[in-house]
Amino acid sequence: MDQILGNISLLFEFPVVNLKIVIDGVMIGALFALAAYGLALVWGVMNVKNLAQGDFVIAGGYVAWYFSRHGMPPLFGVPLAFVVMWVIGWVVYKLVISRVIERDLFTSLLATFGLAIMMAQIMNLMFGSDTQSIQLKYDTLYFFDGFVDVPIAKLIGVTLASALAIGVILFMKKSRMGQAIRATAQDARAARILGIDTEKVYAFTFSLNAAICGAAGAIIVMVWVIQPFYGISYSIRAFVIVTAAGLGNLPGVIAAGLGIGAAEQYGAHIFGIGYQQAIAVLLLLLVLLYRLIQQRRVRQSLS
């Protein structure tokens, strides 16, 4: 308890520490938001709660890590992971997801949970259980007499994540497929009547989600570490963000992603790095409780 109180007092005695925590939180929160946006697409368009979301992120990280070991420049791993995970997403959709779209919630959760376990075990067999990362040889920027450090590698990662997010947003707004995805999300039956091939839309949406996750994983492996069984932590964070922001609320997804990133960094500072994952689980429980209370209030007002 004394250690916790000491960590809290440090935030007030040295306000610059708050700046460092917020900067670190924003950097990792941007990647959380990127993965969560892919989940929001699948959830909103197909009504599938993908419990393997984080495993797609880790798989993308391993794609970038594997090819970097064979001489490929690390930054090229982002577009490569995007393409490779797109193909994997399409295969997974055809073999698994297409069979559970019209099923009940429990069936889709069970199918994606099994998919998550299978992907984690495959990555464990292929790459081993050790943590891996790509070491980028970039300098670190220091501010406020060295109290705040910002690795250039993380700045590059945030820039790449922002560019990808902007690209996806423009695609969804300007392209015909993006318009078809939004129409299907609003009313799939009406979209079919209007001539939209919803099966093609579903396959494209899930492949795009896997590709976004792959790119996010390729960025993560350059600035943090990956391990075959780390996927669940990213899945939990994605569910927290989407549940808090709501489907189709892109500004909310971004804000929630940055918020959970900052909250985890504060939790790690106050309680210790070992409690960082617990913060994400606690936030998920709080968000679910808040949504439950909201639903009860709506039902009471309607009755």
Protein backbone atom coordinates (compact mmCIF):
# COMPACT_ATOMS: atom_id res chain seq x y z
CA MET A 1 0.00 0.00 0.00
CA ASP A 2 2.85 2.40 0.79
CA GLN A 3 4.30 1.75 -2.65
CA ILE A 4 0.95 2.54 -4.30
CA LEU A 5 0.54 5.76 -2.32
CA GLY A 6 4.08 6.73 -3.21
CA ASN A 7 3.39 6.19 -6.92
CA ILE A 8 0.24 8.32 -6.70
CA SER A 9 2.03 11.14 -4.88
CA LEU A 10 4.70 11.08 -7.59
CA LEU A 11 2.07 12.13 -10.13
CA PHE A 12 1.40 15.31 -8.13
CA GLU A 13 4.97 16.07 -7.12
CA PHE A 14 6.28 15.71 -10.68
CA PRO A 15 3.47 16.63 -13.12
CA VAL A 16 5.74 15.87 -16.06
CA VAL A 17 5.32 12.19 -15.23
CA ASN A 18 1.67 12.53 -16.26
CA LEU A 19 2.78 13.80 -19.66
CA LYS A 20 4.99 10.76 -20.18
CA ILE A 21 2.17 8.40 -19.16
CA VAL A 22 -0.32 10.09 -21.48
CA ILE A 23 2.10 10.05 -24.42
CA ASP A 24 2.80 6.33 -23.93
CA GLY A 25 -0.93 5.67 -23.56
CA VAL A 26 -1.80 7.52 -26.75
CA MET A 27 0.84 5.63 -28.69
CA ILE A 28 -0.38 2.19 -27.71
CA GLY A 29 -4.03 3.29 -27.65
CA ALA A 30 -3.84 4.19 -31.34
CA LEU A 31 -3.05 0.56 -32.13
CA PHE A 32 -5.84 -0.65 -29.84
CA ALA A 33 -8.24 1.60 -31.73
CA LEU A 34 -7.04 0.24 -35.07
CA ALA A 35 -7.76 -3.37 -34.08
CA ALA A 36 -11.06 -2.33 -32.50
CA TYR A 37 -12.21 -0.64 -35.70
CA GLY A 38 -11.83 -3.95 -37.53
CA LEU A 39 -13.91 -5.65 -34.84
CA ALA A 40 -16.56 -2.93 -35.13
CA LEU A 41 -16.77 -3.62 -38.88
CA VAL A 42 -17.30 -7.36 -38.45
CA TRP A 43 -19.68 -6.88 -35.53
CA GLY A 44 -21.73 -4.18 -37.24
CA VAL A 45 -21.92 -5.72 -40.71
CA MET A 46 -22.07 -9.44 -39.95
CA ASN A 47 -23.21 -9.47 -36.29
CA VAL A 48 -20.29 -11.75 -35.46
CA LYS A 49 -18.41 -11.19 -32.19
CA ASN A 50 -14.93 -12.28 -33.19
CA LEU A 51 -13.12 -13.66 -30.15
CA ALA A 52 -10.08 -14.33 -32.35
CA GLN A 53 -9.56 -10.61 -33.05
CA GLY A 54 -6.38 -10.38 -31.00
CA ASP A 55 -4.98 -13.55 -32.54
CA PHE A 56 -5.20 -11.95 -35.99
CA VAL A 57 -3.17 -9.06 -34.56
CA ILE A 58 -0.48 -11.42 -33.24
CA ALA A 59 -0.46 -13.38 -36.50
CA GLY A 60 0.22 -10.17 -38.42
CA GLY A 61 3.08 -9.44 -36.05
CA TYR A 62 4.62 -12.83 -36.74
CA VAL A 63 4.34 -12.29 -40.50
CA ALA A 64 6.36 -9.07 -40.22
CA TRP A 65 8.81 -10.60 -37.74
CA TYR A 66 9.44 -13.70 -39.88
CA PHE A 67 10.22 -11.79 -43.06
CA SER A 68 12.36 -9.23 -41.23
CA ARG A 69 14.55 -12.11 -40.06
CA HIS A 70 15.06 -13.02 -43.73
CA GLY A 71 16.34 -9.62 -44.76
CA MET A 72 13.19 -7.62 -45.49
CA PRO A 73 13.20 -3.99 -44.22
CA PRO A 74 11.00 -3.85 -41.10
CA LEU A 75 8.70 -1.09 -42.38
CA PHE A 76 7.81 -3.23 -45.40
CA GLY A 77 6.29 -5.70 -42.95
CA VAL A 78 3.20 -3.51 -42.50
CA PRO A 79 1.87 -3.73 -46.08
CA LEU A 80 3.06 -7.33 -46.34
CA ALA A 81 1.20 -8.33 -43.17
CA PHE A 82 -1.85 -6.48 -44.51
CA VAL A 83 -1.85 -8.57 -47.71
CA VAL A 84 -1.01 -11.91 -46.06
CA MET A 85 -3.65 -11.49 -43.36
CA TRP A 86 -6.19 -10.45 -45.99
CA VAL A 87 -5.72 -13.83 -47.67
CA ILE A 88 -5.87 -15.67 -44.34
CA GLY A 89 -9.01 -13.74 -43.41
CA TRP A 90 -10.67 -14.72 -46.67
CA VAL A 91 -9.83 -18.39 -46.11
CA VAL A 92 -11.09 -18.26 -42.52
CA TYR A 93 -14.31 -16.64 -43.68
CA LYS A 94 -14.96 -19.33 -46.29
CA LEU A 95 -14.15 -22.21 -43.94
CA VAL A 96 -15.62 -20.96 -40.65
CA ILE A 97 -17.29 -17.56 -40.47
CA SER A 98 -19.64 -18.02 -43.44
CA ARG A 99 -21.20 -20.97 -41.61
CA VAL A 100 -22.08 -19.03 -38.44
CA ILE A 101 -23.34 -15.67 -39.73
CA GLU A 102 -26.98 -16.73 -39.66
CA ARG A 103 -26.59 -18.72 -36.45
CA ASP A 104 -27.25 -17.60 -32.89
CA LEU A 105 -24.81 -15.62 -30.75
CA PHE A 106 -23.55 -18.66 -28.83
CA THR A 107 -22.59 -20.47 -32.03
CA SER A 108 -20.54 -17.55 -33.37
CA LEU A 109 -18.82 -17.06 -30.02
CA LEU A 110 -18.00 -20.76 -29.78
CA ALA A 111 -16.68 -20.88 -33.35
CA THR A 112 -14.44 -17.82 -32.98
CA PHE A 113 -13.25 -18.98 -29.55
CA GLY A 114 -12.16 -22.26 -31.09
CA LEU A 115 -10.54 -20.34 -33.92
CA ALA A 116 -8.59 -18.26 -31.39
CA ILE A 117 -7.30 -21.37 -29.61
CA MET A 118 -6.32 -23.00 -32.90
CA MET A 119 -4.46 -19.92 -34.17
CA ALA A 120 -2.57 -19.53 -30.89
CA GLN A 121 -1.48 -23.18 -30.96
CA ILE A 122 -0.41 -23.00 -34.60
CA MET A 123 1.70 -19.91 -33.92
CA ASN A 124 3.18 -21.62 -30.86
CA LEU A 125 4.18 -24.65 -32.94
CA MET A 126 5.59 -22.54 -35.77
CA PHE A 127 7.43 -19.82 -33.86
CA GLY A 128 7.80 -21.08 -30.29
CA SER A 129 6.54 -19.59 -27.04
CA ASP A 130 9.28 -16.98 -26.55
CA THR A 131 8.47 -13.30 -26.95
CA GLN A 132 9.69 -11.77 -30.19
CA SER A 133 10.20 -8.25 -31.50
CA ILE A 134 11.84 -6.35 -34.33
CA GLN A 135 14.64 -4.13 -33.08
CA LEU A 136 14.50 -0.82 -34.95
CA LYS A 137 17.71 1.19 -34.86
CA TYR A 138 16.17 4.59 -34.27
CA ASP A 139 17.05 7.17 -31.67
CA THR A 140 14.90 8.37 -28.78
CA LEU A 141 13.77 11.95 -28.32
CA TYR A 142 14.12 13.41 -24.83
CA PHE A 143 12.19 16.33 -23.37
CA PHE A 144 12.03 18.11 -20.00
CA ASP A 145 15.60 17.27 -19.05
CA GLY A 146 15.15 13.62 -19.94
CA PHE A 147 12.04 13.00 -17.85
CA VAL A 148 9.95 12.39 -20.99
CA ASP A 149 11.33 10.07 -23.65
CA VAL A 150 9.64 9.39 -26.98
CA PRO A 151 11.19 6.61 -29.08
CA ILE A 152 11.15 7.52 -32.77
CA ALA A 153 10.10 3.93 -33.52
CA LYS A 154 6.85 4.52 -31.61
CA LEU A 155 6.27 7.77 -33.46
CA ILE A 156 6.65 5.90 -36.75
CA GLY A 157 4.22 3.27 -35.50
CA VAL A 158 1.58 5.86 -34.57
CA THR A 159 2.06 7.57 -37.96
CA LEU A 160 1.57 4.29 -39.83
CA ALA A 161 -1.50 3.43 -37.74
CA SER A 162 -2.99 6.88 -38.39
CA ALA A 163 -2.32 6.63 -42.13
CA LEU A 164 -3.97 3.22 -42.30
CA ALA A 165 -6.98 4.44 -40.33
CA ILE A 166 -7.41 7.43 -42.64
CA GLY A 167 -7.11 5.16 -45.67
CA VAL A 168 -9.81 2.83 -44.36
CA ILE A 169 -12.11 5.76 -43.55
CA LEU A 170 -11.71 7.21 -47.06
CA PHE A 171 -12.29 3.79 -48.58
CA MET A 172 -15.50 3.30 -46.58
CA LYS A 173 -16.81 6.73 -47.61
CA LYS A 174 -15.70 7.01 -51.23
CA SER A 175 -15.60 3.52 -52.76
CA ARG A 176 -18.55 1.50 -54.02
CA MET A 177 -17.59 -1.44 -51.82
CA GLY A 178 -17.41 0.86 -48.82
CA GLN A 179 -20.91 2.11 -49.58
CA ALA A 180 -22.10 -1.48 -50.00
CA ILE A 181 -20.60 -2.39 -46.61
CA ARG A 182 -22.38 0.51 -44.93
CA ALA A 183 -25.66 -0.36 -46.64
CA THR A 184 -25.37 -4.00 -45.57
CA ALA A 185 -24.63 -2.93 -42.00
CA GLN A 186 -27.81 -0.83 -41.94
CA ASP A 187 -30.11 -3.51 -43.39
CA ALA A 188 -28.75 -6.64 -45.07
CA ARG A 189 -32.14 -7.72 -46.41
CA ALA A 190 -32.80 -4.35 -48.04
CA ALA A 191 -29.27 -4.37 -49.46
CA ARG A 192 -29.93 -7.75 -51.10
CA ILE A 193 -33.17 -6.44 -52.60
CA LEU A 194 -31.27 -3.50 -54.08
CA GLY A 195 -28.86 -5.90 -55.79
CA ILE A 196 -25.93 -5.89 -53.40
CA ASP A 197 -24.13 -9.22 -53.16
CA THR A 198 -24.07 -9.46 -49.36
CA GLU A 199 -22.05 -12.69 -49.44
CA LYS A 200 -19.29 -10.84 -51.26
CA VAL A 201 -19.63 -7.95 -48.80
CA TYR A 202 -19.31 -10.29 -45.82
CA ALA A 203 -16.19 -11.97 -47.24
CA PHE A 204 -14.63 -8.60 -48.06
CA THR A 205 -15.45 -7.18 -44.62
CA PHE A 206 -13.92 -10.08 -42.72
CA SER A 207 -10.84 -10.08 -44.95
CA LEU A 208 -10.46 -6.34 -44.42
CA ASN A 209 -10.73 -6.83 -40.67
CA ALA A 210 -8.01 -9.50 -40.72
CA ALA A 211 -5.82 -7.22 -42.86
CA ILE A 212 -6.25 -4.27 -40.49
CA CYS A 213 -5.36 -6.52 -37.56
CA GLY A 214 -2.34 -7.81 -39.46
CA ALA A 215 -1.05 -4.29 -40.10
CA ALA A 216 -1.62 -3.41 -36.43
CA GLY A 217 0.34 -6.50 -35.39
CA ALA A 218 3.20 -5.60 -37.74
CA ILE A 219 3.42 -2.20 -36.05
CA ILE A 220 3.18 -3.70 -32.56
CA VAL A 221 6.08 -6.10 -33.14
CA MET A 222 8.26 -3.10 -34.07
CA VAL A 223 7.57 -1.18 -30.87
CA TRP A 224 6.62 -3.86 -28.31
CA VAL A 225 6.74 -7.64 -28.19
CA ILE A 226 4.48 -10.45 -29.37
CA GLN A 227 3.91 -13.98 -28.15
CA PRO A 228 1.49 -16.67 -29.43
CA PHE A 229 -0.82 -16.41 -26.43
CA TYR A 230 -0.96 -12.61 -26.20
CA GLY A 231 -3.96 -12.48 -28.51
CA ILE A 232 -6.56 -12.63 -25.75
CA SER A 233 -5.33 -9.34 -24.26
CA TYR A 234 -5.86 -7.52 -27.55
CA SER A 235 -9.27 -9.16 -28.01
CA ILE A 236 -10.38 -7.92 -24.59
CA ARG A 237 -9.19 -4.41 -25.36
CA ALA A 238 -10.98 -4.40 -28.71
CA PHE A 239 -14.23 -5.51 -27.05
CA VAL A 240 -13.88 -2.81 -24.38
CA ILE A 241 -13.39 -0.13 -27.02
CA VAL A 242 -16.23 -1.22 -29.31
CA THR A 243 -18.66 -1.79 -26.43
CA ALA A 244 -17.86 1.62 -24.95
CA ALA A 245 -17.95 3.51 -28.26
CA GLY A 246 -20.85 1.71 -29.93
CA LEU A 247 -21.02 0.27 -33.44
CA GLY A 248 -20.38 2.68 -36.29
CA ASN A 249 -19.00 5.39 -34.00
CA LEU A 250 -15.50 5.87 -35.39
CA PRO A 251 -14.67 8.99 -33.31
CA GLY A 252 -15.85 7.05 -30.26
CA VAL A 253 -13.61 4.10 -31.18
CA ILE A 254 -10.59 6.41 -31.48
CA ALA A 255 -11.38 8.19 -28.21
CA ALA A 256 -12.00 4.92 -26.36
CA GLY A 257 -8.79 3.42 -27.77
CA LEU A 258 -6.70 6.35 -26.61
CA GLY A 259 -8.52 6.33 -23.27
CA ILE A 260 -7.89 2.67 -22.51
CA GLY A 261 -4.25 3.10 -23.53
CA ALA A 262 -3.83 5.95 -21.05
CA ALA A 263 -5.77 4.09 -18.34
CA GLU A 264 -3.50 1.06 -18.67
CA GLN A 265 -0.38 3.20 -18.42
CA TYR A 266 -1.70 4.91 -15.29
CA GLY A 267 -2.61 1.52 -13.83
CA ALA A 268 0.86 0.19 -14.56
CA HIS A 269 2.44 3.22 -12.91
CA ILE A 270 0.30 3.09 -9.78
CA PHE A 271 -0.12 -0.65 -9.20
CA GLY A 272 2.80 -2.09 -11.16
CA ILE A 273 3.28 -3.49 -14.65
CA GLY A 274 1.83 -6.83 -13.58
CA TYR A 275 -1.62 -5.25 -13.19
CA GLN A 276 -1.71 -3.71 -16.66
CA GLN A 277 -3.73 -6.57 -18.16
CA ALA A 278 -6.07 -6.54 -15.16
CA ILE A 279 -6.95 -2.92 -15.94
CA ALA A 280 -8.28 -3.97 -19.35
CA VAL A 281 -10.44 -6.72 -17.80
CA LEU A 282 -11.74 -4.32 -15.15
CA LEU A 283 -12.65 -1.77 -17.82
CA LEU A 284 -14.52 -4.45 -19.77
CA LEU A 285 -16.58 -5.36 -16.69
CA LEU A 286 -17.33 -1.69 -15.97
CA VAL A 287 -18.39 -1.01 -19.56
CA LEU A 288 -20.65 -4.08 -19.63
CA LEU A 289 -22.21 -3.04 -16.30
CA TYR A 290 -22.80 0.48 -17.64
CA ARG A 291 -24.45 -0.87 -20.80
CA LEU A 292 -26.66 -3.17 -18.72
CA ILE A 293 -27.82 -0.27 -16.56
CA GLN A 294 -28.51 1.78 -19.70
CA GLN A 295 -30.65 -0.99 -21.21
CA ARG A 296 -32.69 -1.34 -18.03
CA ARG A 297 -33.37 2.39 -17.97
CA VAL A 298 -34.54 2.30 -21.59
CA ARG A 299 -36.87 -0.62 -20.87
CA GLN A 300 -38.33 1.16 -17.85
CA SER A 301 -38.96 4.32 -19.83
CA LEU A 302 -40.68 2.38 -22.62
CA SER A 303 -42.91 0.51 -20.21
